[in-house]
N, C-alpha and C. Protein backbone atom coordinates (compact mmCIF):
# COMPACT_ATOMS: atom_id res chain seq x y z
N MET A 1 -103.37 4.68 14.80
CA MET A 1 -103.83 5.96 14.31
C MET A 1 -105.34 5.88 14.12
N GLY A 2 -106.06 6.87 14.63
CA GLY A 2 -107.51 6.90 14.54
C GLY A 2 -108.00 7.30 13.16
N ARG A 3 -109.30 7.13 12.94
CA ARG A 3 -109.90 7.45 11.64
C ARG A 3 -109.68 8.92 11.27
N GLY A 4 -109.90 9.83 12.21
CA GLY A 4 -109.72 11.26 11.93
C GLY A 4 -108.32 11.59 11.46
N ALA A 5 -107.32 11.01 12.13
CA ALA A 5 -105.93 11.25 11.75
C ALA A 5 -105.64 10.70 10.36
N ARG A 6 -106.18 9.53 10.05
CA ARG A 6 -105.98 8.95 8.71
C ARG A 6 -106.62 9.82 7.63
N VAL A 7 -107.82 10.34 7.90
CA VAL A 7 -108.51 11.21 6.95
C VAL A 7 -107.68 12.48 6.73
N LEU A 8 -107.20 13.08 7.81
CA LEU A 8 -106.41 14.31 7.68
C LEU A 8 -105.12 14.07 6.90
N ARG A 9 -104.44 12.98 7.15
CA ARG A 9 -103.21 12.68 6.41
C ARG A 9 -103.49 12.56 4.92
N ARG A 10 -104.57 11.85 4.58
CA ARG A 10 -104.91 11.66 3.16
C ARG A 10 -105.26 13.01 2.51
N LEU A 11 -106.06 13.82 3.18
CA LEU A 11 -106.44 15.12 2.62
C LEU A 11 -105.23 16.04 2.50
N ALA A 12 -104.35 16.00 3.48
CA ALA A 12 -103.14 16.82 3.42
C ALA A 12 -102.27 16.41 2.23
N PHE A 13 -102.19 15.11 1.97
CA PHE A 13 -101.43 14.62 0.82
C PHE A 13 -102.05 15.11 -0.48
N VAL A 14 -103.38 15.03 -0.59
CA VAL A 14 -104.08 15.50 -1.80
C VAL A 14 -103.82 16.99 -2.00
N LEU A 15 -103.89 17.78 -0.93
CA LEU A 15 -103.65 19.22 -1.02
C LEU A 15 -102.21 19.51 -1.42
N ALA A 16 -101.26 18.82 -0.82
CA ALA A 16 -99.84 19.04 -1.12
C ALA A 16 -99.52 18.69 -2.57
N ILE A 17 -99.98 17.55 -3.01
CA ILE A 17 -99.73 17.13 -4.39
C ILE A 17 -100.42 18.09 -5.36
N GLY A 18 -101.64 18.47 -5.07
CA GLY A 18 -102.38 19.37 -5.95
C GLY A 18 -101.71 20.72 -6.10
N THR A 19 -101.24 21.31 -5.01
CA THR A 19 -100.59 22.61 -5.12
C THR A 19 -99.24 22.48 -5.82
N SER A 20 -98.53 21.40 -5.58
CA SER A 20 -97.24 21.19 -6.25
C SER A 20 -97.41 21.04 -7.75
N VAL A 21 -98.40 20.27 -8.15
CA VAL A 21 -98.67 20.07 -9.58
C VAL A 21 -99.07 21.40 -10.22
N ALA A 22 -99.95 22.15 -9.57
CA ALA A 22 -100.40 23.42 -10.13
C ALA A 22 -99.24 24.39 -10.27
N CYS A 23 -98.36 24.45 -9.29
CA CYS A 23 -97.19 25.34 -9.39
C CYS A 23 -96.30 24.93 -10.56
N GLY A 24 -96.09 23.65 -10.71
CA GLY A 24 -95.27 23.16 -11.81
C GLY A 24 -95.86 23.48 -13.16
N GLN A 25 -97.18 23.43 -13.27
CA GLN A 25 -97.84 23.70 -14.54
C GLN A 25 -97.66 25.15 -14.98
N VAL A 26 -97.51 26.05 -14.04
CA VAL A 26 -97.33 27.46 -14.39
C VAL A 26 -95.89 27.92 -14.13
N GLN A 27 -95.02 26.97 -13.85
CA GLN A 27 -93.58 27.21 -13.68
C GLN A 27 -93.26 28.16 -12.53
N LEU A 28 -93.94 27.97 -11.40
CA LEU A 28 -93.64 28.72 -10.18
C LEU A 28 -92.97 27.75 -9.22
N PRO A 29 -91.70 27.94 -8.90
CA PRO A 29 -91.01 26.98 -8.04
C PRO A 29 -91.39 27.14 -6.57
N LEU A 30 -91.59 26.01 -5.92
CA LEU A 30 -91.81 25.97 -4.48
C LEU A 30 -90.48 25.68 -3.80
N PRO A 31 -90.31 26.12 -2.56
CA PRO A 31 -89.03 25.90 -1.89
C PRO A 31 -88.81 24.47 -1.43
N GLY A 32 -89.83 23.64 -1.47
CA GLY A 32 -89.68 22.27 -0.99
C GLY A 32 -90.54 22.05 0.24
N ALA A 33 -90.28 20.97 0.92
CA ALA A 33 -91.10 20.59 2.07
C ALA A 33 -90.90 21.56 3.23
N THR A 34 -91.99 21.78 3.96
CA THR A 34 -91.88 22.56 5.19
C THR A 34 -91.75 21.58 6.36
N GLN A 35 -91.46 22.10 7.51
CA GLN A 35 -91.28 21.26 8.69
C GLN A 35 -92.58 21.05 9.45
N ALA A 36 -93.69 21.50 8.93
CA ALA A 36 -94.97 21.38 9.61
C ALA A 36 -95.56 19.99 9.41
N PRO A 37 -96.42 19.57 10.33
CA PRO A 37 -97.14 18.31 10.11
C PRO A 37 -98.04 18.44 8.88
N PRO A 38 -98.38 17.34 8.24
CA PRO A 38 -99.18 17.41 7.02
C PRO A 38 -100.53 18.08 7.21
N GLN A 39 -101.09 18.04 8.41
CA GLN A 39 -102.40 18.65 8.66
C GLN A 39 -102.30 20.17 8.80
N LEU A 40 -101.08 20.71 8.79
CA LEU A 40 -100.86 22.16 8.92
C LEU A 40 -100.01 22.66 7.76
N PRO A 41 -100.50 22.53 6.53
CA PRO A 41 -99.67 22.90 5.38
C PRO A 41 -99.41 24.40 5.29
N LEU A 42 -98.38 24.74 4.57
CA LEU A 42 -98.03 26.13 4.29
C LEU A 42 -97.34 26.15 2.94
N LEU A 43 -97.76 27.04 2.06
CA LEU A 43 -97.14 27.17 0.75
C LEU A 43 -96.35 28.48 0.72
N LEU A 44 -95.08 28.37 0.38
CA LEU A 44 -94.22 29.53 0.15
C LEU A 44 -93.52 29.31 -1.18
N PHE A 45 -93.23 30.39 -1.89
CA PHE A 45 -92.54 30.30 -3.17
C PHE A 45 -91.04 30.48 -2.98
N ALA A 46 -90.26 29.81 -3.81
CA ALA A 46 -88.81 30.01 -3.83
C ALA A 46 -88.52 31.43 -4.33
N ASP A 47 -87.41 31.97 -3.92
CA ASP A 47 -86.99 33.31 -4.37
C ASP A 47 -88.08 34.36 -4.14
N ASP A 48 -88.67 34.33 -2.95
CA ASP A 48 -89.72 35.28 -2.59
C ASP A 48 -89.46 35.80 -1.17
N PRO A 49 -88.28 36.42 -0.94
CA PRO A 49 -87.90 36.80 0.43
C PRO A 49 -88.81 37.84 1.07
N GLU A 50 -89.47 38.66 0.28
CA GLU A 50 -90.38 39.68 0.82
C GLU A 50 -91.84 39.21 0.79
N PHE A 51 -92.05 37.96 0.40
CA PHE A 51 -93.38 37.34 0.36
C PHE A 51 -94.33 38.00 -0.65
N ALA A 52 -93.81 38.68 -1.65
CA ALA A 52 -94.67 39.35 -2.64
C ALA A 52 -95.51 38.34 -3.42
N LYS A 53 -94.89 37.24 -3.86
CA LYS A 53 -95.63 36.25 -4.64
C LYS A 53 -96.71 35.58 -3.80
N VAL A 54 -96.35 35.17 -2.60
CA VAL A 54 -97.33 34.44 -1.78
C VAL A 54 -98.45 35.37 -1.32
N LEU A 55 -98.15 36.64 -1.09
CA LEU A 55 -99.22 37.60 -0.75
C LEU A 55 -100.15 37.79 -1.94
N ALA A 56 -99.59 37.91 -3.13
CA ALA A 56 -100.41 38.05 -4.34
C ALA A 56 -101.25 36.80 -4.56
N TRP A 57 -100.64 35.64 -4.33
CA TRP A 57 -101.36 34.37 -4.51
C TRP A 57 -102.51 34.26 -3.51
N SER A 58 -102.27 34.61 -2.27
CA SER A 58 -103.31 34.55 -1.25
C SER A 58 -104.47 35.48 -1.60
N ARG A 59 -104.16 36.67 -2.06
CA ARG A 59 -105.22 37.61 -2.47
C ARG A 59 -106.00 37.06 -3.67
N ALA A 60 -105.28 36.49 -4.64
CA ALA A 60 -105.94 35.90 -5.81
C ALA A 60 -106.82 34.72 -5.40
N CYS A 61 -106.35 33.91 -4.49
CA CYS A 61 -107.16 32.79 -3.99
C CYS A 61 -108.45 33.32 -3.37
N ALA A 62 -108.35 34.37 -2.56
CA ALA A 62 -109.53 34.94 -1.91
C ALA A 62 -110.53 35.45 -2.96
N ARG A 63 -110.02 36.06 -4.03
CA ARG A 63 -110.92 36.52 -5.09
C ARG A 63 -111.69 35.36 -5.72
N HIS A 64 -111.08 34.17 -5.68
CA HIS A 64 -111.71 32.98 -6.25
C HIS A 64 -112.42 32.14 -5.19
N GLY A 65 -112.57 32.70 -3.97
CA GLY A 65 -113.37 32.03 -2.94
C GLY A 65 -112.62 31.06 -2.04
N VAL A 66 -111.30 31.08 -2.07
CA VAL A 66 -110.50 30.19 -1.20
C VAL A 66 -109.67 31.07 -0.28
N TYR A 67 -109.87 30.92 1.01
CA TYR A 67 -109.21 31.78 1.99
C TYR A 67 -108.06 31.03 2.65
N LEU A 68 -106.83 31.42 2.31
CA LEU A 68 -105.62 30.79 2.83
C LEU A 68 -104.70 31.88 3.37
N HIS A 69 -104.20 31.68 4.56
CA HIS A 69 -103.28 32.67 5.12
C HIS A 69 -101.98 32.64 4.32
N PRO A 70 -101.42 33.80 3.98
CA PRO A 70 -100.24 33.81 3.12
C PRO A 70 -98.95 33.35 3.80
N VAL A 71 -98.79 33.58 5.09
CA VAL A 71 -97.50 33.26 5.72
C VAL A 71 -97.65 32.50 7.04
N HIS A 72 -98.78 31.87 7.23
CA HIS A 72 -99.00 31.07 8.43
C HIS A 72 -99.60 29.74 8.01
N ASN A 73 -99.34 28.71 8.79
CA ASN A 73 -99.88 27.40 8.48
C ASN A 73 -101.40 27.44 8.35
N TRP A 74 -101.90 26.61 7.45
CA TRP A 74 -103.34 26.45 7.29
C TRP A 74 -103.76 25.30 8.20
N PHE A 75 -105.02 25.20 8.48
CA PHE A 75 -105.51 24.17 9.39
C PHE A 75 -106.55 23.31 8.69
N LEU A 76 -106.22 22.05 8.49
CA LEU A 76 -107.18 21.10 7.95
C LEU A 76 -107.90 20.44 9.12
N SER A 77 -109.14 20.04 8.89
CA SER A 77 -109.89 19.31 9.91
C SER A 77 -110.73 18.25 9.21
N THR A 78 -111.35 17.42 10.01
CA THR A 78 -112.20 16.39 9.43
C THR A 78 -113.48 16.99 8.83
N ALA A 79 -113.70 18.28 9.01
CA ALA A 79 -114.81 18.96 8.32
C ALA A 79 -114.50 19.12 6.83
N HIS A 80 -113.22 19.07 6.46
CA HIS A 80 -112.83 19.11 5.05
C HIS A 80 -112.92 17.70 4.49
N ASP A 81 -113.53 17.58 3.34
CA ASP A 81 -113.55 16.28 2.68
C ASP A 81 -112.83 16.41 1.34
N GLU A 82 -112.70 15.29 0.65
CA GLU A 82 -111.94 15.31 -0.60
C GLU A 82 -112.58 16.23 -1.64
N ALA A 83 -113.89 16.29 -1.68
CA ALA A 83 -114.57 17.17 -2.63
C ALA A 83 -114.25 18.64 -2.34
N THR A 84 -114.18 19.00 -1.07
CA THR A 84 -113.84 20.37 -0.69
C THR A 84 -112.42 20.71 -1.10
N ILE A 85 -111.50 19.78 -0.86
CA ILE A 85 -110.10 20.00 -1.24
C ILE A 85 -109.98 20.10 -2.76
N ASP A 86 -110.66 19.22 -3.49
CA ASP A 86 -110.63 19.26 -4.95
C ASP A 86 -111.16 20.59 -5.48
N GLU A 87 -112.25 21.09 -4.89
CA GLU A 87 -112.81 22.37 -5.32
C GLU A 87 -111.85 23.52 -5.03
N ALA A 88 -111.22 23.49 -3.86
CA ALA A 88 -110.25 24.53 -3.52
C ALA A 88 -109.08 24.51 -4.49
N LEU A 89 -108.59 23.32 -4.84
CA LEU A 89 -107.48 23.21 -5.77
C LEU A 89 -107.87 23.74 -7.15
N ALA A 90 -109.08 23.45 -7.59
CA ALA A 90 -109.53 23.95 -8.89
C ALA A 90 -109.57 25.48 -8.88
N ARG A 91 -109.99 26.06 -7.77
CA ARG A 91 -110.06 27.52 -7.68
C ARG A 91 -108.69 28.17 -7.55
N THR A 92 -107.74 27.48 -6.95
CA THR A 92 -106.40 28.07 -6.80
C THR A 92 -105.59 28.01 -8.09
N ASP A 93 -105.98 27.16 -9.03
CA ASP A 93 -105.24 27.08 -10.30
C ASP A 93 -105.17 28.44 -10.97
N GLU A 94 -106.28 29.15 -11.02
CA GLU A 94 -106.29 30.47 -11.65
C GLU A 94 -105.42 31.44 -10.86
N ALA A 95 -105.40 31.32 -9.56
CA ALA A 95 -104.56 32.18 -8.73
C ALA A 95 -103.08 31.97 -9.05
N PHE A 96 -102.68 30.72 -9.26
CA PHE A 96 -101.29 30.45 -9.65
C PHE A 96 -100.96 31.12 -10.98
N ARG A 97 -101.87 31.04 -11.94
CA ARG A 97 -101.64 31.67 -13.24
C ARG A 97 -101.51 33.19 -13.09
N GLU A 98 -102.35 33.78 -12.24
CA GLU A 98 -102.29 35.22 -12.02
C GLU A 98 -100.94 35.65 -11.43
N VAL A 99 -100.43 34.87 -10.49
CA VAL A 99 -99.13 35.18 -9.89
C VAL A 99 -98.03 35.05 -10.93
N ARG A 100 -98.08 34.01 -11.73
CA ARG A 100 -97.09 33.83 -12.79
C ARG A 100 -97.11 35.01 -13.76
N ASP A 101 -98.31 35.43 -14.15
CA ASP A 101 -98.44 36.53 -15.10
C ASP A 101 -97.94 37.84 -14.50
N ALA A 102 -98.16 38.05 -13.22
CA ALA A 102 -97.76 39.30 -12.56
C ALA A 102 -96.29 39.33 -12.15
N HIS A 103 -95.77 38.16 -11.75
CA HIS A 103 -94.40 38.11 -11.18
C HIS A 103 -93.42 37.32 -12.02
N GLY A 104 -93.90 36.70 -13.08
CA GLY A 104 -93.02 35.90 -13.92
C GLY A 104 -92.86 34.48 -13.41
N ALA A 105 -92.51 33.61 -14.31
CA ALA A 105 -92.27 32.20 -13.95
C ALA A 105 -90.84 32.06 -13.46
N GLY A 106 -90.64 30.98 -12.73
CA GLY A 106 -89.29 30.66 -12.26
C GLY A 106 -88.72 31.56 -11.21
């Protein structure tokens, strides 16, 4: 495995763990692992068949300066570094709280 692939795997792991922890802190359940490669993450909420929660979350993320597609895989690259991922996770924390407040926990 080349250096770029190793970097992407590590960053994808940081992003996955960070979003999972943030969801747990505000009691928003995730459906579990997706079938996508780690470099192409996608976050969907459990019990969200019409995608209302994930659409609200994506809009809230954008208000906080993080642009994530609500229902399509995201694309990580070696242009993303750990500091960028950490900053994105810090900004998405408020978006998770907004979704919880608007749609309820659990």
